[in-house]
Amino acid sequence: MKARVHVTLKGGVHDPQGKAIQHALAQLGFGGVDGVRAGKVIDLELSDTDEASARERVDAMCQQLLANTVIESYAIELTP
């Protein structure tokens, strides 16, 4: 089973990387971009075959390591 975790900053948390991307886009002539939020994607290959147990394990991974849950949110996608 494969898991994809999308980690993004929570709303209201300052995003300097997003601001830098927005500024660079404007410098390259891509105006009209009113905001950018940067995040990360983490792909995992799991030995689990049961979706419920896989989701539970990946959630625990996110809580303990993959996301800083004070300032970040995450979403989990599972595929067989």
N, C-alpha and C. Protein backbone atom coordinates (compact mmCIF):
# COMPACT_ATOMS: atom_id res chain seq x y z
N MET A 1 0.85 -1.17 0.00
CA MET A 1 0.00 0.00 0.00
C MET A 1 0.90 1.23 0.00
N LYS A 2 0.43 2.28 -0.67
CA LYS A 2 1.17 3.54 -0.71
C LYS A 2 0.39 4.62 0.02
N ALA A 3 1.13 5.48 0.67
CA ALA A 3 0.53 6.61 1.37
C ALA A 3 1.20 7.88 0.88
N ARG A 4 0.39 8.90 0.68
CA ARG A 4 0.89 10.23 0.35
C ARG A 4 0.36 11.17 1.41
N VAL A 5 1.28 11.90 2.03
CA VAL A 5 0.92 12.84 3.08
C VAL A 5 1.19 14.25 2.59
N HIS A 6 0.18 15.09 2.63
CA HIS A 6 0.30 16.51 2.26
C HIS A 6 0.38 17.30 3.57
N VAL A 7 1.47 18.02 3.75
CA VAL A 7 1.66 18.81 4.96
C VAL A 7 1.67 20.29 4.56
N THR A 8 0.80 21.07 5.19
CA THR A 8 0.71 22.51 4.91
C THR A 8 0.65 23.29 6.21
N LEU A 9 1.06 24.54 6.11
CA LEU A 9 0.96 25.41 7.28
C LEU A 9 -0.51 25.72 7.57
N LYS A 10 -0.85 25.81 8.82
CA LYS A 10 -2.20 26.19 9.20
C LYS A 10 -2.44 27.64 8.82
N GLY A 11 -3.71 27.98 8.59
CA GLY A 11 -4.06 29.35 8.28
C GLY A 11 -3.61 30.29 9.38
N GLY A 12 -3.12 31.46 8.99
CA GLY A 12 -2.66 32.43 9.97
C GLY A 12 -1.20 32.30 10.35
N VAL A 13 -0.57 31.19 9.98
CA VAL A 13 0.85 31.01 10.27
C VAL A 13 1.65 31.67 9.14
N HIS A 14 2.59 32.54 9.51
CA HIS A 14 3.42 33.25 8.52
C HIS A 14 4.20 32.24 7.67
N ASP A 15 4.22 32.46 6.36
CA ASP A 15 4.86 31.54 5.42
C ASP A 15 5.92 32.28 4.62
N PRO A 16 7.15 32.41 5.14
CA PRO A 16 8.20 33.14 4.42
C PRO A 16 8.57 32.49 3.09
N GLN A 17 8.52 31.18 3.01
CA GLN A 17 8.82 30.50 1.75
C GLN A 17 7.76 30.84 0.70
N GLY A 18 6.52 30.87 1.09
CA GLY A 18 5.45 31.25 0.18
C GLY A 18 5.62 32.68 -0.31
N LYS A 19 5.99 33.58 0.60
CA LYS A 19 6.22 34.98 0.21
C LYS A 19 7.38 35.08 -0.78
N ALA A 20 8.46 34.31 -0.55
CA ALA A 20 9.61 34.34 -1.46
C ALA A 20 9.21 33.82 -2.84
N ILE A 21 8.39 32.79 -2.89
CA ILE A 21 7.92 32.26 -4.17
C ILE A 21 7.05 33.30 -4.87
N GLN A 22 6.16 33.93 -4.14
CA GLN A 22 5.29 34.96 -4.71
C GLN A 22 6.13 36.09 -5.30
N HIS A 23 7.14 36.54 -4.57
CA HIS A 23 8.01 37.61 -5.05
C HIS A 23 8.77 37.18 -6.31
N ALA A 24 9.30 35.96 -6.31
CA ALA A 24 10.05 35.46 -7.47
C ALA A 24 9.14 35.34 -8.69
N LEU A 25 7.91 34.91 -8.50
CA LEU A 25 6.97 34.82 -9.62
C LEU A 25 6.72 36.20 -10.22
N ALA A 26 6.56 37.20 -9.36
CA ALA A 26 6.34 38.57 -9.85
C ALA A 26 7.56 39.05 -10.64
N GLN A 27 8.75 38.74 -10.14
CA GLN A 27 9.98 39.14 -10.83
C GLN A 27 10.11 38.46 -12.19
N LEU A 28 9.54 37.29 -12.34
CA LEU A 28 9.58 36.55 -13.60
C LEU A 28 8.45 36.95 -14.54
N GLY A 29 7.63 37.90 -14.11
CA GLY A 29 6.56 38.39 -14.97
C GLY A 29 5.21 37.71 -14.75
N PHE A 30 5.10 36.91 -13.73
CA PHE A 30 3.83 36.25 -13.42
C PHE A 30 3.08 37.07 -12.37
N GLY A 31 2.53 38.20 -12.82
CA GLY A 31 1.80 39.06 -11.92
C GLY A 31 0.43 38.48 -11.60
N GLY A 32 -0.26 39.13 -10.69
CA GLY A 32 -1.60 38.71 -10.35
C GLY A 32 -1.67 37.52 -9.41
N VAL A 33 -0.55 37.12 -8.85
CA VAL A 33 -0.56 36.05 -7.85
C VAL A 33 -0.70 36.74 -6.49
N ASP A 34 -1.86 36.60 -5.88
CA ASP A 34 -2.15 37.34 -4.65
C ASP A 34 -1.68 36.65 -3.38
N GLY A 35 -1.28 35.42 -3.47
CA GLY A 35 -0.78 34.72 -2.29
C GLY A 35 -0.26 33.35 -2.65
N VAL A 36 0.75 32.91 -1.92
CA VAL A 36 1.33 31.58 -2.12
C VAL A 36 1.53 30.95 -0.75
N ARG A 37 1.15 29.71 -0.61
CA ARG A 37 1.43 28.93 0.59
C ARG A 37 2.24 27.72 0.15
N ALA A 38 3.36 27.48 0.77
CA ALA A 38 4.22 26.35 0.43
C ALA A 38 3.99 25.22 1.43
N GLY A 39 4.15 24.01 0.96
CA GLY A 39 4.01 22.84 1.82
C GLY A 39 4.94 21.75 1.36
N LYS A 40 4.66 20.54 1.79
CA LYS A 40 5.49 19.41 1.37
C LYS A 40 4.62 18.18 1.17
N VAL A 41 5.12 17.28 0.33
CA VAL A 41 4.46 16.00 0.08
C VAL A 41 5.44 14.90 0.45
N ILE A 42 4.95 13.93 1.21
CA ILE A 42 5.78 12.80 1.64
C ILE A 42 5.12 11.53 1.13
N ASP A 43 5.85 10.75 0.33
CA ASP A 43 5.35 9.47 -0.18
C ASP A 43 5.96 8.33 0.61
N LEU A 44 5.10 7.42 1.04
CA LEU A 44 5.52 6.26 1.84
C LEU A 44 5.04 4.98 1.16
N GLU A 45 5.87 3.95 1.16
CA GLU A 45 5.45 2.63 0.73
C GLU A 45 5.34 1.77 1.97
N LEU A 46 4.15 1.22 2.17
CA LEU A 46 3.85 0.48 3.40
C LEU A 46 3.63 -1.00 3.12
N SER A 47 3.95 -1.83 4.09
CA SER A 47 3.69 -3.27 3.96
C SER A 47 2.25 -3.61 4.36
N ASP A 48 1.53 -2.65 4.94
CA ASP A 48 0.14 -2.89 5.36
C ASP A 48 -0.74 -3.26 4.16
N THR A 49 -1.69 -4.12 4.41
CA THR A 49 -2.68 -4.44 3.38
C THR A 49 -4.08 -3.97 3.79
N ASP A 50 -4.26 -3.69 5.07
CA ASP A 50 -5.53 -3.20 5.58
C ASP A 50 -5.51 -1.67 5.63
N GLU A 51 -6.48 -1.05 4.95
CA GLU A 51 -6.49 0.41 4.84
C GLU A 51 -6.64 1.09 6.20
N ALA A 52 -7.47 0.56 7.06
CA ALA A 52 -7.70 1.18 8.37
C ALA A 52 -6.43 1.17 9.21
N SER A 53 -5.72 0.05 9.23
CA SER A 53 -4.49 0.00 10.03
C SER A 53 -3.40 0.85 9.41
N ALA A 54 -3.35 0.91 8.08
CA ALA A 54 -2.36 1.75 7.41
C ALA A 54 -2.61 3.22 7.74
N ARG A 55 -3.87 3.64 7.68
CA ARG A 55 -4.21 5.03 7.99
C ARG A 55 -3.85 5.36 9.45
N GLU A 56 -4.12 4.43 10.33
CA GLU A 56 -3.80 4.64 11.75
C GLU A 56 -2.29 4.80 11.95
N ARG A 57 -1.50 3.94 11.29
CA ARG A 57 -0.03 4.02 11.42
C ARG A 57 0.50 5.32 10.83
N VAL A 58 0.02 5.70 9.64
CA VAL A 58 0.50 6.94 9.02
C VAL A 58 0.09 8.14 9.85
N ASP A 59 -1.11 8.12 10.42
CA ASP A 59 -1.52 9.20 11.30
C ASP A 59 -0.57 9.32 12.48
N ALA A 60 -0.17 8.20 13.06
CA ALA A 60 0.77 8.22 14.18
C ALA A 60 2.12 8.77 13.73
N MET A 61 2.55 8.41 12.52
CA MET A 61 3.81 8.94 11.97
C MET A 61 3.74 10.46 11.84
N CYS A 62 2.61 10.94 11.36
CA CYS A 62 2.43 12.39 11.20
C CYS A 62 2.46 13.09 12.55
N GLN A 63 1.76 12.53 13.52
CA GLN A 63 1.70 13.13 14.85
C GLN A 63 3.08 13.18 15.51
N GLN A 64 3.89 12.14 15.28
CA GLN A 64 5.18 12.04 15.98
C GLN A 64 6.35 12.63 15.23
N LEU A 65 6.29 12.68 13.88
CA LEU A 65 7.47 13.10 13.13
C LEU A 65 7.20 13.94 11.90
N LEU A 66 6.27 13.53 11.07
CA LEU A 66 6.15 14.10 9.74
C LEU A 66 5.57 15.51 9.71
N ALA A 67 4.79 15.88 10.71
CA ALA A 67 4.18 17.21 10.75
C ALA A 67 4.35 17.82 12.14
N ASN A 68 4.56 19.11 12.16
CA ASN A 68 4.56 19.85 13.42
C ASN A 68 3.13 20.31 13.63
N THR A 69 2.37 19.53 14.38
CA THR A 69 0.92 19.76 14.46
C THR A 69 0.53 21.06 15.18
N VAL A 70 1.49 21.74 15.76
CA VAL A 70 1.20 23.05 16.35
C VAL A 70 0.95 24.06 15.24
N ILE A 71 1.74 23.99 14.15
CA ILE A 71 1.62 24.99 13.08
C ILE A 71 1.26 24.39 11.72
N GLU A 72 1.22 23.05 11.62
CA GLU A 72 0.95 22.41 10.34
C GLU A 72 -0.27 21.50 10.40
N SER A 73 -0.95 21.40 9.26
CA SER A 73 -2.03 20.44 9.08
C SER A 73 -1.53 19.38 8.10
N TYR A 74 -2.19 18.22 8.10
CA TYR A 74 -1.80 17.19 7.14
C TYR A 74 -3.02 16.44 6.66
N ALA A 75 -2.88 15.90 5.46
CA ALA A 75 -3.93 15.06 4.87
C ALA A 75 -3.27 13.80 4.34
N ILE A 76 -3.92 12.67 4.52
CA ILE A 76 -3.38 11.37 4.14
C ILE A 76 -4.19 10.80 2.99
N GLU A 77 -3.51 10.36 1.94
CA GLU A 77 -4.13 9.64 0.82
C GLU A 77 -3.53 8.23 0.79
N LEU A 78 -4.37 7.22 0.69
CA LEU A 78 -3.90 5.84 0.60
C LEU A 78 -4.32 5.24 -0.74
N THR A 79 -3.42 4.45 -1.34
CA THR A 79 -3.74 3.71 -2.56
C THR A 79 -3.16 2.30 -2.43
N PRO A 80 -3.88 1.32 -2.96
CA PRO A 80 -3.38 -0.07 -2.86
C PRO A 80 -2.11 -0.30 -3.65
